[in-house]
């Protein structure tokens, strides 16, 4: 499992066909990729790591506090393309990305775990498998990749 975690001033997701819109201010945008064979242990590791990453500035302007400390918000977006293999050819190969029947339950567990860690009102999400328009204002910029050990 892989998460691209971006510290943001704001972020939003829109799905025009479904009249769906979610937005956050001051927090994290998490792009989540789920790999074939990922398990609940991977979910818990990545969700807990993202919830506790100390990538926000403290009073001394050092990255030393986490999303909980700033009482920030999180926007979670599923993104199978994080497992696009590009070593050969010019067209990414997505065979490592988990298929929806395997990925959706893990994605839902990830969202639930982050909500448990931060509170239901602090976590918003896109819609798994939808074509989404994601906008963000990256703060810093700060972008960190978190992967489960495999």
N, C-alpha and C. Protein backbone atom coordinates (compact mmCIF):
# COMPACT_ATOMS: atom_id res chain seq x y z
N UNK A 1 0.85 -1.17 0.00
CA UNK A 1 0.00 0.00 0.00
C UNK A 1 0.89 1.23 0.00
N UNK A 2 0.42 2.25 -0.70
CA UNK A 2 1.22 3.46 -0.86
C UNK A 2 0.31 4.67 -0.72
N UNK A 3 0.80 5.67 0.01
CA UNK A 3 0.07 6.93 0.13
C UNK A 3 0.99 8.08 -0.21
N UNK A 4 0.51 8.97 -1.03
CA UNK A 4 1.19 10.23 -1.29
C UNK A 4 0.45 11.25 -0.42
N UNK A 5 1.18 11.80 0.56
CA UNK A 5 0.58 12.69 1.55
C UNK A 5 1.07 14.11 1.28
N UNK A 6 0.14 15.00 1.05
CA UNK A 6 0.49 16.39 0.77
C UNK A 6 -0.10 17.30 1.84
N UNK A 7 0.76 18.14 2.40
CA UNK A 7 0.29 19.15 3.34
C UNK A 7 -0.34 20.26 2.51
N UNK A 8 -1.59 20.61 2.83
CA UNK A 8 -2.32 21.56 2.01
C UNK A 8 -2.93 22.70 2.82
N UNK A 9 -3.04 23.84 2.17
CA UNK A 9 -3.82 24.94 2.73
C UNK A 9 -5.29 24.70 2.45
N UNK A 10 -5.57 24.07 1.30
CA UNK A 10 -6.93 23.67 0.94
C UNK A 10 -6.86 22.59 -0.13
N UNK A 11 -7.91 21.80 -0.21
CA UNK A 11 -8.02 20.77 -1.25
C UNK A 11 -9.50 20.47 -1.46
N UNK A 12 -9.82 20.06 -2.68
CA UNK A 12 -11.20 19.71 -2.98
C UNK A 12 -11.25 18.61 -4.03
N UNK A 13 -12.38 17.94 -4.05
CA UNK A 13 -12.64 16.93 -5.07
C UNK A 13 -14.05 17.17 -5.61
N UNK A 14 -14.17 17.08 -6.94
CA UNK A 14 -15.46 17.25 -7.59
C UNK A 14 -15.69 16.10 -8.57
N UNK A 15 -16.91 15.63 -8.59
CA UNK A 15 -17.33 14.62 -9.57
C UNK A 15 -18.59 15.20 -10.22
N UNK A 16 -18.41 15.80 -11.37
CA UNK A 16 -19.49 16.56 -12.01
C UNK A 16 -20.71 15.70 -12.32
N UNK A 17 -20.47 14.51 -12.85
CA UNK A 17 -21.58 13.65 -13.26
C UNK A 17 -22.49 13.28 -12.08
N UNK A 18 -21.92 13.28 -10.87
CA UNK A 18 -22.69 12.89 -9.69
C UNK A 18 -23.03 14.08 -8.80
N UNK A 19 -22.73 15.30 -9.28
CA UNK A 19 -22.97 16.50 -8.50
C UNK A 19 -22.39 16.36 -7.09
N UNK A 20 -21.14 15.90 -7.03
CA UNK A 20 -20.46 15.59 -5.77
C UNK A 20 -19.32 16.56 -5.56
N UNK A 21 -19.22 17.12 -4.36
CA UNK A 21 -18.13 18.05 -4.05
C UNK A 21 -17.79 17.95 -2.56
N UNK A 22 -16.49 17.84 -2.28
CA UNK A 22 -15.99 17.84 -0.90
C UNK A 22 -14.77 18.75 -0.87
N UNK A 23 -14.57 19.44 0.25
CA UNK A 23 -13.39 20.29 0.37
C UNK A 23 -12.92 20.33 1.82
N UNK A 24 -11.62 20.61 1.95
CA UNK A 24 -11.02 20.77 3.27
C UNK A 24 -10.16 22.03 3.26
N UNK A 25 -9.84 22.47 4.45
CA UNK A 25 -8.89 23.56 4.65
C UNK A 25 -7.83 23.10 5.63
N UNK A 26 -6.62 23.57 5.46
CA UNK A 26 -5.53 23.33 6.39
C UNK A 26 -5.45 21.88 6.87
N UNK A 27 -4.78 21.06 6.10
CA UNK A 27 -4.68 19.66 6.48
C UNK A 27 -3.86 18.84 5.51
N UNK A 28 -4.37 17.64 5.23
CA UNK A 28 -3.66 16.68 4.38
C UNK A 28 -4.55 16.21 3.24
N UNK A 29 -3.96 16.13 2.06
CA UNK A 29 -4.56 15.41 0.94
C UNK A 29 -3.81 14.10 0.86
N UNK A 30 -4.54 12.98 0.95
CA UNK A 30 -3.91 11.66 0.88
C UNK A 30 -4.40 10.95 -0.38
N UNK A 31 -3.46 10.68 -1.29
CA UNK A 31 -3.74 9.87 -2.47
C UNK A 31 -3.35 8.45 -2.12
N UNK A 32 -4.30 7.52 -2.15
CA UNK A 32 -4.07 6.16 -1.66
C UNK A 32 -4.08 5.14 -2.79
N UNK A 33 -2.97 4.41 -2.92
CA UNK A 33 -2.87 3.32 -3.88
C UNK A 33 -2.85 1.99 -3.14
N UNK A 34 -3.65 1.06 -3.62
CA UNK A 34 -3.74 -0.26 -2.99
C UNK A 34 -3.22 -1.29 -3.98
N UNK A 35 -2.28 -2.10 -3.49
CA UNK A 35 -1.60 -3.09 -4.31
C UNK A 35 -2.22 -4.47 -4.10
N UNK A 36 -2.19 -5.28 -5.14
CA UNK A 36 -2.65 -6.67 -5.02
C UNK A 36 -1.92 -7.34 -3.86
N UNK A 37 -2.66 -7.97 -2.99
CA UNK A 37 -2.06 -8.66 -1.86
C UNK A 37 -2.00 -7.85 -0.58
N UNK A 38 -2.36 -6.56 -0.64
CA UNK A 38 -2.38 -5.77 0.59
C UNK A 38 -3.41 -6.34 1.55
N UNK A 39 -3.13 -6.15 2.84
CA UNK A 39 -3.98 -6.71 3.91
C UNK A 39 -4.36 -5.60 4.89
N UNK A 40 -5.16 -5.96 5.87
CA UNK A 40 -5.60 -5.00 6.88
C UNK A 40 -4.43 -4.44 7.68
N UNK A 41 -3.37 -5.23 7.87
CA UNK A 41 -2.18 -4.71 8.55
C UNK A 41 -1.58 -3.53 7.79
N UNK A 42 -1.60 -3.61 6.45
CA UNK A 42 -1.12 -2.50 5.63
C UNK A 42 -2.00 -1.26 5.82
N UNK A 43 -3.30 -1.48 5.84
CA UNK A 43 -4.25 -0.39 6.06
C UNK A 43 -3.94 0.32 7.38
N UNK A 44 -3.83 -0.46 8.45
CA UNK A 44 -3.62 0.12 9.77
C UNK A 44 -2.29 0.86 9.84
N UNK A 45 -1.25 0.29 9.26
CA UNK A 45 0.07 0.93 9.28
C UNK A 45 0.02 2.28 8.56
N UNK A 46 -0.51 2.28 7.34
CA UNK A 46 -0.52 3.50 6.53
C UNK A 46 -1.45 4.55 7.16
N UNK A 47 -2.62 4.14 7.60
CA UNK A 47 -3.57 5.09 8.20
C UNK A 47 -2.99 5.71 9.46
N UNK A 48 -2.37 4.89 10.31
CA UNK A 48 -1.79 5.41 11.55
C UNK A 48 -0.58 6.30 11.26
N UNK A 49 0.23 5.92 10.29
CA UNK A 49 1.40 6.73 9.93
C UNK A 49 0.95 8.08 9.40
N UNK A 50 -0.03 8.10 8.51
CA UNK A 50 -0.53 9.36 7.96
C UNK A 50 -1.13 10.24 9.06
N UNK A 51 -1.81 9.64 10.00
CA UNK A 51 -2.45 10.38 11.09
C UNK A 51 -1.44 10.98 12.06
N UNK A 52 -0.24 10.44 12.07
CA UNK A 52 0.77 10.86 13.05
C UNK A 52 2.02 11.50 12.44
N UNK A 53 2.04 11.67 11.11
CA UNK A 53 3.20 12.29 10.46
C UNK A 53 3.40 13.70 11.00
N UNK A 54 4.59 13.98 11.46
CA UNK A 54 4.90 15.31 12.00
C UNK A 54 5.45 16.19 10.88
N UNK A 55 4.54 16.73 10.08
CA UNK A 55 4.94 17.54 8.93
C UNK A 55 4.35 18.95 8.97
N UNK A 56 3.86 19.35 10.13
CA UNK A 56 3.36 20.71 10.31
C UNK A 56 4.31 21.47 11.22
N UNK A 57 4.41 22.78 10.99
CA UNK A 57 5.34 23.63 11.73
C UNK A 57 4.87 23.85 13.18
N UNK A 58 5.84 23.76 14.10
CA UNK A 58 5.57 24.10 15.49
C UNK A 58 5.88 25.57 15.72
N UNK A 59 5.87 26.02 16.97
CA UNK A 59 6.12 27.43 17.30
C UNK A 59 7.52 27.89 16.90
N UNK A 60 8.45 26.95 16.76
CA UNK A 60 9.82 27.28 16.36
C UNK A 60 10.05 27.08 14.86
N UNK A 61 8.95 26.93 14.11
CA UNK A 61 8.98 26.78 12.66
C UNK A 61 9.67 25.50 12.20
N UNK A 62 9.61 24.45 13.02
CA UNK A 62 10.16 23.15 12.65
C UNK A 62 9.00 22.19 12.40
N UNK A 63 9.18 21.30 11.40
CA UNK A 63 8.16 20.29 11.15
C UNK A 63 8.19 19.30 12.32
N UNK A 64 7.28 19.51 13.26
CA UNK A 64 7.35 18.75 14.50
C UNK A 64 5.99 18.38 15.06
N UNK A 65 4.90 18.77 14.37
CA UNK A 65 3.57 18.43 14.89
C UNK A 65 2.74 17.76 13.79
N UNK A 66 1.73 17.02 14.20
CA UNK A 66 0.93 16.23 13.26
C UNK A 66 -0.45 16.86 13.05
N UNK A 67 -1.21 16.26 12.19
CA UNK A 67 -2.54 16.74 11.82
C UNK A 67 -3.45 16.85 13.06
N UNK A 68 -3.30 15.92 14.00
CA UNK A 68 -4.11 15.96 15.23
C UNK A 68 -3.81 17.23 16.02
N UNK A 69 -2.53 17.61 16.07
CA UNK A 69 -2.12 18.78 16.85
C UNK A 69 -2.69 20.08 16.31
N UNK A 70 -2.85 20.17 15.00
CA UNK A 70 -3.39 21.41 14.42
C UNK A 70 -4.90 21.34 14.24
N UNK A 71 -5.48 20.20 14.61
CA UNK A 71 -6.92 19.95 14.44
C UNK A 71 -7.32 20.21 12.99
N UNK A 72 -6.51 19.64 12.09
CA UNK A 72 -6.71 19.83 10.65
C UNK A 72 -7.66 18.81 10.06
N UNK A 73 -7.87 18.93 8.77
CA UNK A 73 -8.77 18.07 8.04
C UNK A 73 -7.99 17.21 7.05
N UNK A 74 -8.63 16.13 6.60
CA UNK A 74 -8.00 15.21 5.66
C UNK A 74 -8.97 14.93 4.51
N UNK A 75 -8.44 14.93 3.31
CA UNK A 75 -9.19 14.52 2.12
C UNK A 75 -8.49 13.30 1.55
N UNK A 76 -9.22 12.19 1.44
CA UNK A 76 -8.65 10.92 0.96
C UNK A 76 -9.20 10.62 -0.43
N UNK A 77 -8.28 10.34 -1.35
CA UNK A 77 -8.63 10.04 -2.74
C UNK A 77 -8.00 8.70 -3.13
N UNK A 78 -8.80 7.77 -3.62
CA UNK A 78 -8.24 6.50 -4.12
C UNK A 78 -7.53 6.78 -5.45
N UNK A 79 -6.36 6.16 -5.63
CA UNK A 79 -5.61 6.41 -6.86
C UNK A 79 -4.78 5.19 -7.24
N UNK A 80 -5.39 4.32 -8.05
CA UNK A 80 -4.71 3.10 -8.48
C UNK A 80 -3.48 3.40 -9.31
N UNK A 81 -3.42 4.58 -9.93
CA UNK A 81 -2.29 4.90 -10.80
C UNK A 81 -0.97 5.04 -10.04
N UNK A 82 -1.01 5.07 -8.71
CA UNK A 82 0.24 5.07 -7.94
C UNK A 82 1.02 3.78 -8.16
N UNK A 83 0.33 2.74 -8.63
CA UNK A 83 1.01 1.48 -8.93
C UNK A 83 1.21 1.28 -10.43
N UNK A 84 1.30 2.36 -11.17
CA UNK A 84 1.61 2.27 -12.59
C UNK A 84 3.10 2.00 -12.79
N UNK A 85 3.43 0.91 -13.41
CA UNK A 85 4.82 0.53 -13.69
C UNK A 85 5.22 1.15 -15.02
N UNK A 86 6.33 1.90 -15.02
CA UNK A 86 6.74 2.62 -16.22
C UNK A 86 8.13 2.26 -16.71
N UNK A 87 8.71 1.18 -16.19
CA UNK A 87 10.08 0.81 -16.57
C UNK A 87 10.19 0.43 -18.04
N UNK A 88 9.17 -0.21 -18.58
CA UNK A 88 9.21 -0.65 -19.98
C UNK A 88 8.14 0.08 -20.77
N UNK A 89 8.51 0.57 -21.90
CA UNK A 89 7.56 1.25 -22.78
C UNK A 89 7.13 2.59 -22.23
N UNK A 90 6.15 3.17 -22.89
CA UNK A 90 5.67 4.50 -22.52
C UNK A 90 4.26 4.48 -21.95
N UNK A 91 3.63 3.32 -21.98
CA UNK A 91 2.28 3.20 -21.43
C UNK A 91 2.39 2.50 -20.09
N UNK A 92 1.93 3.13 -19.00
CA UNK A 92 2.02 2.48 -17.68
C UNK A 92 1.26 1.16 -17.63
N UNK A 93 1.82 0.24 -16.88
CA UNK A 93 1.21 -1.07 -16.65
C UNK A 93 0.67 -1.06 -15.23
N UNK A 94 -0.59 -1.36 -15.05
CA UNK A 94 -1.23 -1.28 -13.74
C UNK A 94 -1.53 -2.64 -13.13
N UNK A 95 -0.79 -3.68 -13.52
CA UNK A 95 -1.08 -5.02 -13.03
C UNK A 95 -0.85 -5.18 -11.53
N UNK A 96 -0.01 -4.33 -10.93
CA UNK A 96 0.22 -4.42 -9.48
C UNK A 96 -0.91 -3.80 -8.67
N UNK A 97 -1.70 -2.93 -9.28
CA UNK A 97 -2.81 -2.29 -8.58
C UNK A 97 -3.90 -3.32 -8.30
N UNK A 98 -4.43 -3.28 -7.08
CA UNK A 98 -5.50 -4.21 -6.71
C UNK A 98 -6.77 -3.91 -7.51
N UNK A 99 -7.47 -4.96 -7.89
CA UNK A 99 -8.75 -4.82 -8.58
C UNK A 99 -9.79 -4.33 -7.58
N UNK A 100 -10.88 -3.71 -8.07
CA UNK A 100 -11.87 -3.14 -7.17
C UNK A 100 -12.42 -4.09 -6.09
N UNK A 101 -12.64 -5.35 -6.43
CA UNK A 101 -13.20 -6.27 -5.43
C UNK A 101 -12.25 -6.48 -4.24
N UNK A 102 -10.96 -6.33 -4.46
CA UNK A 102 -9.96 -6.42 -3.39
C UNK A 102 -9.69 -5.05 -2.77
N UNK A 103 -9.67 -4.01 -3.60
CA UNK A 103 -9.27 -2.68 -3.15
C UNK A 103 -10.36 -1.93 -2.38
N UNK A 104 -11.61 -2.04 -2.80
CA UNK A 104 -12.68 -1.25 -2.16
C UNK A 104 -12.79 -1.54 -0.67
N UNK A 105 -12.83 -2.81 -0.23
CA UNK A 105 -12.92 -3.04 1.23
C UNK A 105 -11.72 -2.46 2.00
N UNK A 106 -10.53 -2.53 1.40
CA UNK A 106 -9.35 -1.97 2.06
C UNK A 106 -9.40 -0.44 2.09
N UNK A 107 -9.86 0.15 1.01
CA UNK A 107 -10.03 1.60 0.97
C UNK A 107 -11.02 2.05 2.05
N UNK A 108 -12.13 1.34 2.16
CA UNK A 108 -13.14 1.69 3.17
C UNK A 108 -12.59 1.52 4.58
N UNK A 109 -11.78 0.50 4.80
CA UNK A 109 -11.15 0.31 6.12
C UNK A 109 -10.15 1.42 6.40
N UNK A 110 -9.44 1.86 5.38
CA UNK A 110 -8.49 2.96 5.54
C UNK A 110 -9.22 4.23 5.97
N UNK A 111 -10.28 4.56 5.27
CA UNK A 111 -11.06 5.76 5.61
C UNK A 111 -11.59 5.64 7.04
N UNK A 112 -12.12 4.48 7.39
CA UNK A 112 -12.64 4.27 8.74
C UNK A 112 -11.56 4.41 9.80
N UNK A 113 -10.36 3.92 9.51
CA UNK A 113 -9.26 4.00 10.48
C UNK A 113 -8.80 5.45 10.67
N UNK A 114 -8.71 6.20 9.58
CA UNK A 114 -8.33 7.61 9.70
C UNK A 114 -9.42 8.38 10.47
N UNK A 115 -10.68 8.07 10.20
CA UNK A 115 -11.77 8.71 10.95
C UNK A 115 -11.68 8.37 12.44
N UNK A 116 -11.35 7.13 12.74
CA UNK A 116 -11.18 6.71 14.14
C UNK A 116 -10.04 7.51 14.78
N UNK A 117 -8.96 7.70 14.04
CA UNK A 117 -7.79 8.42 14.55
C UNK A 117 -8.05 9.92 14.74
N UNK A 118 -8.82 10.52 13.83
CA UNK A 118 -8.94 11.98 13.80
C UNK A 118 -10.33 12.52 14.11
N UNK A 119 -11.34 11.68 13.98
CA UNK A 119 -12.72 12.12 14.16
C UNK A 119 -13.44 12.17 12.83
N UNK A 120 -14.69 11.71 12.82
CA UNK A 120 -15.48 11.63 11.59
C UNK A 120 -15.61 12.97 10.88
N UNK A 121 -15.72 14.05 11.64
CA UNK A 121 -15.95 15.36 11.04
C UNK A 121 -14.70 15.95 10.40
N UNK A 122 -13.56 15.33 10.59
CA UNK A 122 -12.28 15.84 10.06
C UNK A 122 -11.85 15.15 8.77
N UNK A 123 -12.59 14.14 8.32
CA UNK A 123 -12.17 13.33 7.18
C UNK A 123 -13.23 13.36 6.08
N UNK A 124 -12.78 13.70 4.87
CA UNK A 124 -13.66 13.68 3.70
C UNK A 124 -12.98 12.81 2.65
N UNK A 125 -13.74 12.43 1.65
CA UNK A 125 -13.18 11.52 0.64
C UNK A 125 -13.81 11.72 -0.72
N UNK A 126 -13.10 11.19 -1.71
CA UNK A 126 -13.64 11.11 -3.05
C UNK A 126 -14.51 9.86 -3.14
N UNK A 127 -14.82 9.45 -4.35
CA UNK A 127 -15.61 8.22 -4.57
C UNK A 127 -14.73 7.25 -5.32
N UNK A 128 -14.55 6.07 -4.75
CA UNK A 128 -13.67 5.05 -5.33
C UNK A 128 -14.07 4.77 -6.77
N UNK A 129 -13.10 4.82 -7.66
CA UNK A 129 -13.30 4.46 -9.06
C UNK A 129 -13.90 5.54 -9.93
N UNK A 130 -14.29 6.65 -9.34
CA UNK A 130 -14.89 7.73 -10.14
C UNK A 130 -13.80 8.55 -10.82
N UNK A 131 -14.18 9.21 -11.90
CA UNK A 131 -13.30 10.18 -12.55
C UNK A 131 -13.47 11.48 -11.77
N UNK A 132 -12.41 11.87 -11.05
CA UNK A 132 -12.50 12.99 -10.13
C UNK A 132 -11.61 14.14 -10.58
N UNK A 133 -12.06 15.35 -10.28
CA UNK A 133 -11.24 16.54 -10.44
C UNK A 133 -10.77 16.92 -9.04
N UNK A 134 -9.46 16.89 -8.82
CA UNK A 134 -8.89 17.20 -7.51
C UNK A 134 -8.09 18.49 -7.63
N UNK A 135 -8.34 19.41 -6.72
CA UNK A 135 -7.59 20.65 -6.68
C UNK A 135 -6.96 20.79 -5.30
N UNK A 136 -5.78 21.43 -5.27
CA UNK A 136 -5.13 21.65 -3.99
C UNK A 136 -4.23 22.85 -4.05
N UNK A 137 -4.01 23.42 -2.89
CA UNK A 137 -2.96 24.41 -2.69
C UNK A 137 -2.00 23.76 -1.71
N UNK A 138 -0.86 23.31 -2.25
CA UNK A 138 0.14 22.62 -1.44
C UNK A 138 0.84 23.63 -0.56
N UNK A 139 0.98 23.31 0.70
CA UNK A 139 1.61 24.21 1.66
C UNK A 139 3.06 23.79 1.86
N UNK A 140 3.96 24.63 1.47
CA UNK A 140 5.39 24.34 1.65
C UNK A 140 6.20 24.52 0.39
N UNK A 141 6.11 23.68 -0.57
CA UNK A 141 5.31 22.45 -0.64
C UNK A 141 5.91 21.33 0.21
N UNK A 142 5.02 20.55 0.81
CA UNK A 142 5.44 19.37 1.56
C UNK A 142 4.67 18.18 1.00
N UNK A 143 5.40 17.20 0.47
CA UNK A 143 4.83 15.98 -0.06
C UNK A 143 5.68 14.82 0.42
N UNK A 144 5.03 13.81 1.03
CA UNK A 144 5.72 12.66 1.58
C UNK A 144 5.07 11.39 1.04
N UNK A 145 5.89 10.39 0.72
CA UNK A 145 5.36 9.09 0.29
C UNK A 145 5.51 8.12 1.46
N UNK A 146 4.38 7.47 1.78
CA UNK A 146 4.36 6.49 2.87
C UNK A 146 4.00 5.15 2.25
N UNK A 147 4.84 4.13 2.50
CA UNK A 147 4.57 2.80 1.96
C UNK A 147 4.61 1.76 3.06
N UNK A 148 3.75 0.76 2.91
CA UNK A 148 3.83 -0.38 3.84
C UNK A 148 5.00 -1.25 3.40
N UNK A 149 5.58 -1.96 4.31
CA UNK A 149 6.75 -2.79 4.00
C UNK A 149 6.32 -4.07 3.31
N UNK A 150 6.75 -4.23 2.09
CA UNK A 150 6.47 -5.46 1.33
C UNK A 150 7.65 -5.76 0.47
